[in-house]
Amino acid sequence: MPVDVGNLSMNHENKFSVSRFRNRNGVFPYRVDGRLNGVRIRRNFKTLEEAATEKASLELKGLQIVSNLRSVTTVLVEDQVREAEAAFRRLAGNERSLAFYLDFALSTYREPVCQKPLSEATAAYLAVKTLEHDRQVISAPQLTTIRRHLKVLKAHFPGATVAELSAPRLTSYLQHGNPSLKTYNNRRGVVSTFLKFAFQQDWIAANPIEKVAYHRIAHRRGSAPTLSAKQAQELMTYLESDRGGALVPFFALCLFAGIRPCLRTGEILKLRPEHVRLDTGVIHIEPEVSKVRMKRNVTLQPNLSTWLQAYPLDRYPIIVPALQKHRAKVAKLFGLSHDVMRHTFISFFIAKFRSMGEAALQAGNSEAIIRKHYLDLKTPAEAEEFFNIRPQSREGVIAFPVAV
């Protein structure tokens, strides 16, 4: 019959009492009296302490009988016994023994050498990546991205060690702010490479990122934003009249050669006048200039050559003082997004020459990107109009840049 463990204290079946009586010899012993599992037990002892010990022992046996407990002799302390009991409960239903899992843990688990603070670990990792940048292994945008993500990571786990970055905690971090799947994956990528570095340094015993989900994204073809030939003409006409044409070289190179225009880490910032060869009709994008650290040559289209002859780079520098402020003003006037001039060049180049391979070489992109974002955005007639945008005649005029 099942026994209600909660009412064991009320079960009189296994309760014992201690009483004192006088036997026939005139001695007053102590008697332990009660029933154990239905069997009557009476035992006499000379002292009260002995009787009390026996009473407790018999009641413990009774409790073990009704609650399936066992009395064993062990060298374990109470906390160790409880831990062992918890381990066996977790193994319920498993075919393997506790010793099997213990052997596996002892053979594979390694304690971290030290509990490295996250702030120190990220600083060490950034030092390595900065050295890689100096050696031209990674680009400036990559280093900037790594630095930005690690700064957020440190702020999210203040005072933590690297070993405390468990998979659940990392998942929570990657999901903060309800990011898009692409942003989530980008965060995960930076954290993953950082934790691989930490694992190599023995700051963690295992890499928790392996248990953090990575999202597969179904990519769809999307058209890049571009300017029409008419809008490009209006833009260049305005630039000729603004500040004596001081901004013309910057915009002409971005619009008619697709040079990456970012004013923080873009190719246009590192392009030098000697890279632009009017005599051979080629712009040399050297590895230290290129975003992807690969050399490429951009063919000077006839209209761009005309622009650079009218506004020569030895008198009209590509980067003028306060360029960011002046570019922002022009961008606001003409609704220019970040890469719209580069997108415009690639789409018109494809429309004119009908070669994705050549467009990829000129722009420093892959053919897959060209096909996905730039194919069939413009017609050959529009392309002809675009590549015929030329400056007003400056024949006989000595060009000097106007102070900005």
Protein backbone atom coordinates (compact mmCIF):
# COMPACT_ATOMS: atom_id res chain seq x y z
CA MET A 1 0.00 0.00 0.00
CA PRO A 2 1.41 3.46 -0.89
CA VAL A 3 2.60 5.55 2.07
CA ASP A 4 2.03 9.31 2.23
CA VAL A 5 5.57 10.58 2.82
CA GLY A 6 4.21 13.96 3.86
CA ASN A 7 2.54 12.36 6.84
CA LEU A 8 5.41 10.17 7.98
CA SER A 9 5.63 12.11 11.22
CA MET A 10 2.04 11.11 11.92
CA ASN A 11 2.64 7.39 11.21
CA HIS A 12 2.44 5.67 14.56
CA GLU A 13 3.26 2.25 13.09
CA ASN A 14 6.99 2.97 13.28
CA LYS A 15 7.02 5.16 16.38
CA PHE A 16 8.86 4.11 19.53
CA SER A 17 8.70 5.23 23.11
CA VAL A 18 11.21 5.12 25.98
CA SER A 19 10.05 4.31 29.46
CA ARG A 20 11.63 3.29 32.74
CA PHE A 21 10.48 0.31 34.83
CA ARG A 22 11.56 -1.87 37.74
CA ASN A 23 12.50 -5.42 36.91
CA ARG A 24 12.41 -8.44 39.23
CA ASN A 25 15.97 -7.82 40.36
CA GLY A 26 15.08 -4.38 41.62
CA VAL A 27 16.98 -2.59 38.83
CA PHE A 28 15.45 0.34 36.95
CA PRO A 29 16.40 -0.07 33.22
CA TYR A 30 15.11 1.93 30.26
CA ARG A 31 12.85 0.20 27.74
CA VAL A 32 12.41 1.07 24.06
CA ASP A 33 8.99 -0.14 22.94
CA GLY A 34 7.20 0.02 19.58
CA ARG A 35 6.52 -1.65 16.26
CA LEU A 36 8.74 -1.77 13.15
CA ASN A 37 6.89 -2.75 10.00
CA GLY A 38 4.27 -4.57 12.08
CA VAL A 39 6.74 -6.42 14.30
CA ARG A 40 6.66 -5.68 18.05
CA ILE A 41 10.07 -4.64 19.44
CA ARG A 42 10.98 -4.23 23.13
CA ARG A 43 14.57 -3.69 24.21
CA ASN A 44 16.06 -2.75 27.57
CA PHE A 45 19.08 -0.52 28.23
CA LYS A 46 20.95 0.47 31.34
CA THR A 47 21.15 4.19 30.50
CA LEU A 48 18.80 6.73 29.00
CA GLU A 49 21.39 7.72 26.35
CA GLU A 50 21.59 4.15 25.02
CA ALA A 51 17.82 3.89 24.90
CA ALA A 52 17.47 7.22 23.08
CA THR A 53 20.10 6.17 20.50
CA GLU A 54 18.28 2.90 19.85
CA LYS A 55 14.94 4.69 19.58
CA ALA A 56 16.36 7.07 16.95
CA SER A 57 17.94 4.17 15.05
CA LEU A 58 14.71 2.19 14.96
CA GLU A 59 12.66 5.18 13.86
CA LEU A 60 15.18 5.90 11.08
CA LYS A 61 14.81 2.32 9.87
CA GLY A 62 11.06 2.76 9.86
CA LEU A 63 11.37 5.97 7.86
CA GLN A 64 13.66 4.24 5.37
CA ILE A 65 11.16 1.44 4.89
CA VAL A 66 8.24 3.73 4.03
CA SER A 67 10.27 6.27 1.95
CA ASN A 68 12.58 3.87 0.07
CA LEU A 69 15.68 5.35 1.75
CA ARG A 70 18.78 3.28 2.46
CA SER A 71 21.23 3.43 5.29
CA VAL A 72 24.79 3.08 3.99
CA THR A 73 28.26 3.65 5.34
CA THR A 74 30.13 6.27 3.27
CA VAL A 75 33.13 8.55 3.47
CA LEU A 76 31.17 11.30 1.68
CA VAL A 77 30.04 14.35 3.57
CA GLU A 78 26.38 15.31 3.44
CA ASP A 79 26.77 17.86 0.58
CA GLN A 80 28.59 15.27 -1.53
CA VAL A 81 25.87 12.72 -0.90
CA ARG A 82 23.22 15.22 -2.02
CA GLU A 83 25.21 16.05 -5.16
CA ALA A 84 25.54 12.35 -5.99
CA GLU A 85 21.80 11.86 -5.53
CA ALA A 86 21.12 14.84 -7.86
CA ALA A 87 23.48 13.38 -10.48
CA PHE A 88 21.68 10.03 -10.49
CA ARG A 89 18.31 11.76 -10.80
CA ARG A 90 19.60 13.60 -13.91
CA LEU A 91 20.76 10.30 -15.38
CA ALA A 92 17.36 8.68 -15.00
CA GLY A 93 16.47 6.94 -18.27
CA ASN A 94 20.03 6.93 -19.63
CA GLU A 95 21.70 3.66 -20.50
CA ARG A 96 25.17 4.96 -19.64
CA SER A 97 26.47 4.96 -16.08
CA LEU A 98 27.55 7.94 -14.03
CA ALA A 99 31.16 6.69 -14.27
CA PHE A 100 30.95 6.81 -18.11
CA TYR A 101 30.00 10.49 -18.14
CA LEU A 102 32.57 11.30 -15.49
CA ASP A 103 35.33 9.63 -17.53
CA PHE A 104 34.27 11.60 -20.61
CA ALA A 105 34.35 14.91 -18.74
CA LEU A 106 37.75 14.19 -17.21
CA SER A 107 39.25 13.32 -20.59
CA THR A 108 37.82 16.25 -22.61
CA TYR A 109 37.21 19.21 -20.30
CA ARG A 110 39.99 21.70 -19.69
CA GLU A 111 39.78 24.56 -17.23
CA PRO A 112 40.67 28.01 -18.61
CA VAL A 113 44.17 29.10 -17.70
CA CYS A 114 42.79 32.23 -16.10
CA GLN A 115 39.55 34.09 -15.71
CA LYS A 116 40.27 36.81 -18.28
CA PRO A 117 38.19 39.98 -17.89
CA LEU A 118 36.22 40.73 -21.04
CA SER A 119 37.61 44.27 -21.19
CA GLU A 120 41.20 42.98 -21.25
CA ALA A 121 40.42 40.23 -23.73
CA THR A 122 38.80 42.59 -26.24
CA ALA A 123 41.71 45.01 -25.92
CA ALA A 124 44.17 42.21 -26.71
CA TYR A 125 42.08 41.07 -29.67
CA LEU A 126 41.84 44.63 -31.05
CA ALA A 127 45.61 44.98 -30.76
CA VAL A 128 46.03 41.90 -32.97
CA LYS A 129 43.48 43.17 -35.50
CA THR A 130 45.10 46.60 -35.56
CA LEU A 131 48.41 44.93 -36.38
CA GLU A 132 46.70 42.98 -39.17
CA HIS A 133 45.35 46.27 -40.52
CA ASP A 134 48.82 47.82 -40.42
CA ARG A 135 50.08 44.84 -42.40
CA GLN A 136 47.19 45.32 -44.85
CA VAL A 137 45.62 41.96 -43.99
CA ILE A 138 42.26 43.54 -43.16
CA SER A 139 40.78 46.82 -44.35
CA ALA A 140 40.00 49.93 -42.35
CA PRO A 141 36.21 49.33 -42.58
CA GLN A 142 36.70 45.81 -41.18
CA LEU A 143 38.71 47.12 -38.25
CA THR A 144 36.13 49.84 -37.59
CA THR A 145 33.33 47.25 -37.59
CA ILE A 146 35.20 44.97 -35.19
CA ARG A 147 35.97 47.84 -32.82
CA ARG A 148 32.35 49.04 -32.83
CA HIS A 149 30.88 45.59 -32.15
CA LEU A 150 33.32 44.79 -29.34
CA LYS A 151 32.55 48.11 -27.67
CA VAL A 152 28.87 47.18 -27.58
CA LEU A 153 29.74 43.67 -26.34
CA LYS A 154 31.72 45.07 -23.40
CA ALA A 155 28.91 47.48 -22.51
CA HIS A 156 26.39 44.61 -22.57
CA PHE A 157 28.45 42.48 -20.13
CA PRO A 158 30.07 44.96 -17.69
CA GLY A 159 32.56 43.35 -15.34
CA ALA A 160 32.20 39.90 -16.93
CA THR A 161 34.97 37.46 -17.78
CA VAL A 162 35.23 35.76 -21.16
CA ALA A 163 34.42 32.40 -19.56
CA GLU A 164 31.05 33.78 -18.42
CA LEU A 165 29.84 34.27 -22.01
CA SER A 166 27.59 31.24 -22.20
CA ALA A 167 25.49 30.34 -25.24
CA PRO A 168 22.19 31.58 -23.67
CA ARG A 169 23.78 34.90 -22.65
CA LEU A 170 25.30 35.38 -26.11
CA THR A 171 21.96 34.62 -27.76
CA SER A 172 20.31 37.28 -25.61
CA TYR A 173 23.04 39.76 -26.59
CA LEU A 174 22.72 39.01 -30.31
CA GLN A 175 18.94 39.51 -30.15
CA HIS A 176 18.98 42.80 -28.24
CA GLY A 177 17.22 45.64 -30.02
CA ASN A 178 15.22 43.24 -32.21
CA PRO A 179 17.79 43.30 -35.07
CA SER A 180 17.28 42.09 -38.62
CA LEU A 181 18.61 38.63 -39.45
CA LYS A 182 21.54 40.19 -41.32
CA THR A 183 22.47 42.38 -38.34
CA TYR A 184 22.17 39.37 -36.02
CA ASN A 185 24.50 37.34 -38.25
CA ASN A 186 26.98 40.21 -38.48
CA ARG A 187 27.10 40.48 -34.69
CA ARG A 188 27.53 36.73 -34.40
CA GLY A 189 30.38 36.76 -36.92
CA VAL A 190 32.41 39.30 -34.95
CA VAL A 191 31.77 37.53 -31.64
CA SER A 192 32.66 34.19 -33.22
CA THR A 193 36.10 35.30 -34.41
CA PHE A 194 36.75 36.98 -31.05
CA LEU A 195 35.88 33.80 -29.13
CA LYS A 196 38.05 31.68 -31.43
CA PHE A 197 40.91 33.97 -30.48
CA ALA A 198 39.99 33.62 -26.78
CA PHE A 199 39.92 29.82 -27.11
CA GLN A 200 43.39 29.83 -28.66
CA GLN A 201 44.61 31.88 -25.70
CA ASP A 202 43.10 29.33 -23.23
CA TRP A 203 40.78 31.98 -21.79
CA ILE A 204 37.83 29.65 -22.35
CA ALA A 205 37.68 25.85 -22.21
CA ALA A 206 35.16 25.59 -25.08
CA ASN A 207 33.71 28.00 -27.62
CA PRO A 208 30.04 28.70 -26.71
CA ILE A 209 29.31 30.28 -30.12
CA GLU A 210 28.99 26.78 -31.57
CA LYS A 211 25.69 26.45 -29.71
CA VAL A 212 24.37 29.84 -30.88
CA ALA A 213 22.07 29.76 -33.92
CA TYR A 214 23.07 31.21 -37.29
CA HIS A 215 20.22 32.35 -39.54
CA ARG A 216 20.09 31.42 -43.20
CA ILE A 217 18.72 34.33 -45.24
CA ALA A 218 16.91 33.93 -48.55
CA HIS A 219 18.45 36.60 -50.76
CA ARG A 220 16.26 38.36 -53.30
CA ARG A 221 17.34 40.45 -56.23
CA GLY A 222 17.00 44.15 -55.48
CA SER A 223 17.73 47.14 -57.65
CA ALA A 224 20.38 49.55 -56.44
CA PRO A 225 19.28 53.22 -56.21
CA THR A 226 20.65 55.25 -59.11
CA LEU A 227 20.46 58.67 -60.76
CA SER A 228 19.02 59.18 -64.21
CA ALA A 229 21.20 60.70 -66.93
CA LYS A 230 19.22 63.92 -66.58
CA GLN A 231 19.79 64.07 -62.82
CA ALA A 232 23.51 63.42 -63.31
CA GLN A 233 23.67 66.28 -65.84
CA GLU A 234 21.93 68.65 -63.44
CA LEU A 235 24.32 67.64 -60.65
CA MET A 236 27.48 68.28 -62.68
CA THR A 237 26.12 71.57 -64.06
CA TYR A 238 25.51 72.76 -60.51
CA LEU A 239 29.00 71.70 -59.38
CA GLU A 240 30.63 73.70 -62.16
CA SER A 241 28.92 76.85 -60.90
CA ASP A 242 29.48 76.17 -57.19
CA ARG A 243 32.72 77.38 -55.58
CA GLY A 244 34.43 77.75 -58.92
CA GLY A 245 34.14 74.03 -59.62
CA ALA A 246 36.23 73.06 -56.59
CA LEU A 247 34.10 69.96 -55.92
CA VAL A 248 34.06 68.73 -59.54
CA PRO A 249 36.96 66.19 -59.33
CA PHE A 250 35.52 64.43 -56.28
CA PHE A 251 32.04 64.05 -57.77
CA ALA A 252 33.28 63.27 -61.31
CA LEU A 253 35.50 60.40 -60.12
CA CYS A 254 32.71 58.90 -58.00
CA LEU A 255 30.03 59.34 -60.67
CA PHE A 256 31.91 58.45 -63.87
CA ALA A 257 34.46 55.92 -62.48
CA GLY A 258 32.57 54.35 -59.55
CA ILE A 259 35.25 55.14 -56.95
CA ARG A 260 33.88 54.28 -53.50
CA PRO A 261 32.89 57.68 -52.03
CA CYS A 262 32.81 57.14 -48.24
CA LEU A 263 34.42 60.09 -46.46
CA ARG A 264 35.50 57.95 -43.50
CA THR A 265 37.18 54.93 -45.08
CA GLY A 266 36.32 55.15 -48.80
CA GLU A 267 38.70 54.68 -51.73
CA ILE A 268 38.28 58.30 -52.77
CA LEU A 269 40.09 59.45 -49.60
CA LYS A 270 43.24 57.48 -50.50
CA LEU A 271 43.25 58.09 -54.24
CA ARG A 272 46.22 60.23 -55.33
CA PRO A 273 46.57 62.37 -58.48
CA GLU A 274 49.37 60.08 -59.71
CA HIS A 275 46.93 57.16 -59.69
CA VAL A 276 44.84 58.92 -62.36
CA ARG A 277 46.71 58.53 -65.64
CA LEU A 278 45.21 60.68 -68.39
CA ASP A 279 48.06 59.69 -70.68
CA THR A 280 47.17 55.99 -70.58
CA GLY A 281 43.44 56.43 -69.90
CA VAL A 282 43.50 54.35 -66.69
CA ILE A 283 42.86 54.95 -63.00
CA HIS A 284 45.04 52.62 -60.92
CA ILE A 285 43.30 51.52 -57.73
CA GLU A 286 46.20 50.14 -55.69
CA PRO A 287 45.68 47.53 -52.93
CA GLU A 288 46.20 50.16 -50.23
CA VAL A 289 43.42 52.20 -51.83
CA SER A 290 40.99 49.38 -52.65
CA LYS A 291 38.32 48.42 -50.13
CA VAL A 292 38.98 44.72 -50.80
CA ARG A 293 42.78 45.10 -50.81
CA MET A 294 43.04 44.02 -54.44
CA LYS A 295 44.46 46.07 -57.27
CA ARG A 296 42.13 46.99 -60.13
CA ASN A 297 42.27 49.32 -63.11
CA VAL A 298 39.34 51.55 -64.04
CA THR A 299 39.19 52.70 -67.64
CA LEU A 300 38.81 56.45 -68.00
CA GLN A 301 35.71 57.06 -70.08
CA PRO A 302 36.12 59.88 -72.63
CA ASN A 303 33.77 62.22 -70.80
CA LEU A 304 35.62 61.73 -67.47
CA SER A 305 38.92 62.48 -69.21
CA THR A 306 37.37 65.72 -70.43
CA TRP A 307 36.26 66.65 -66.94
CA LEU A 308 39.73 66.01 -65.50
CA GLN A 309 41.38 67.99 -68.28
CA ALA A 310 39.08 70.93 -67.55
CA TYR A 311 39.62 70.57 -63.79
CA PRO A 312 43.17 69.16 -63.49
CA LEU A 313 44.01 67.47 -60.23
CA ASP A 314 47.21 69.43 -59.71
CA ARG A 315 45.08 72.57 -59.29
CA TYR A 316 41.75 71.06 -58.23
CA PRO A 317 42.46 68.55 -55.42
CA ILE A 318 40.18 65.55 -55.04
CA ILE A 319 39.72 66.20 -51.32
CA VAL A 320 39.13 69.85 -50.46
CA PRO A 321 38.93 71.35 -46.96
CA ALA A 322 35.59 70.80 -45.21
CA LEU A 323 34.58 68.33 -47.93
CA GLN A 324 32.15 66.50 -45.67
CA LYS A 325 30.16 69.67 -45.02
CA HIS A 326 30.08 70.65 -48.72
CA ARG A 327 29.19 67.14 -49.85
CA ALA A 328 26.33 67.02 -47.34
CA LYS A 329 24.95 70.26 -48.79
CA VAL A 330 25.06 68.89 -52.35
CA ALA A 331 23.61 65.55 -51.21
CA LYS A 332 20.66 67.35 -49.63
CA LEU A 333 20.04 69.45 -52.75
CA PHE A 334 20.04 66.46 -55.10
CA GLY A 335 18.85 63.68 -52.80
CA LEU A 336 22.10 61.72 -52.99
CA SER A 337 22.27 58.60 -50.85
CA HIS A 338 25.56 57.15 -49.63
CA ASP A 339 26.62 55.07 -52.68
CA VAL A 340 24.19 56.35 -55.32
CA MET A 341 26.93 57.76 -57.59
CA ARG A 342 28.81 54.45 -57.63
CA HIS A 343 25.56 52.55 -58.27
CA THR A 344 24.82 54.93 -61.15
CA PHE A 345 28.20 54.32 -62.78
CA ILE A 346 27.92 50.52 -62.59
CA SER A 347 24.35 50.40 -63.94
CA PHE A 348 25.18 52.68 -66.88
CA PHE A 349 28.41 50.77 -67.58
CA ILE A 350 26.42 47.51 -67.81
CA ALA A 351 23.88 49.18 -70.10
CA LYS A 352 26.59 50.46 -72.45
CA PHE A 353 29.03 47.54 -72.60
CA ARG A 354 26.73 44.59 -71.74
CA SER A 355 29.50 42.76 -69.89
CA MET A 356 29.01 41.75 -66.28
CA GLY A 357 32.57 40.42 -66.09
CA GLU A 358 34.09 43.70 -67.21
CA ALA A 359 31.78 45.67 -64.92
CA ALA A 360 32.88 43.50 -62.00
CA LEU A 361 36.55 44.16 -62.81
CA GLN A 362 36.02 47.90 -63.17
CA ALA A 363 33.95 48.25 -59.98
CA GLY A 364 35.75 45.74 -57.76
CA ASN A 365 32.64 43.62 -57.21
CA SER A 366 31.77 40.02 -57.95
CA GLU A 367 29.72 39.10 -61.02
CA ALA A 368 27.04 37.73 -58.68
CA ILE A 369 26.61 41.17 -57.09
CA ILE A 370 26.54 42.84 -60.50
CA ARG A 371 23.85 40.48 -61.74
CA LYS A 372 21.80 40.76 -58.56
CA HIS A 373 21.70 44.55 -58.24
CA TYR A 374 22.68 46.31 -61.50
CA LEU A 375 21.61 44.27 -64.51
CA ASP A 376 18.99 45.86 -66.83
CA LEU A 377 18.48 49.02 -64.78
CA LYS A 378 19.33 51.34 -67.68
CA THR A 379 18.89 51.29 -71.45
CA PRO A 380 21.76 51.68 -73.96
CA ALA A 381 20.28 55.03 -75.03
CA GLU A 382 20.33 56.32 -71.44
CA ALA A 383 23.89 55.08 -71.05
CA GLU A 384 24.96 56.96 -74.17
CA GLU A 385 23.44 60.12 -72.75
CA PHE A 386 25.13 59.59 -69.38
CA PHE A 387 28.63 59.04 -70.77
CA ASN A 388 28.27 62.15 -72.93
CA ILE A 389 27.86 64.47 -69.94
CA ARG A 390 30.75 66.90 -70.35
CA PRO A 391 31.85 70.20 -68.80
CA GLN A 392 31.22 73.58 -70.34
CA SER A 393 34.10 74.76 -72.50
CA ARG A 394 37.00 76.05 -70.42
CA GLU A 395 39.33 76.54 -73.35
CA GLY A 396 41.85 79.31 -72.67
CA VAL A 397 40.81 79.63 -69.03
CA ILE A 398 43.46 79.16 -66.37
CA ALA A 399 41.76 77.11 -63.71
CA PHE A 400 42.41 77.94 -60.09
CA PRO A 401 40.40 76.40 -57.23
CA VAL A 402 38.33 78.73 -55.17
CA ALA A 403 38.99 78.66 -51.40
CA VAL A 404 36.33 76.72 -49.56
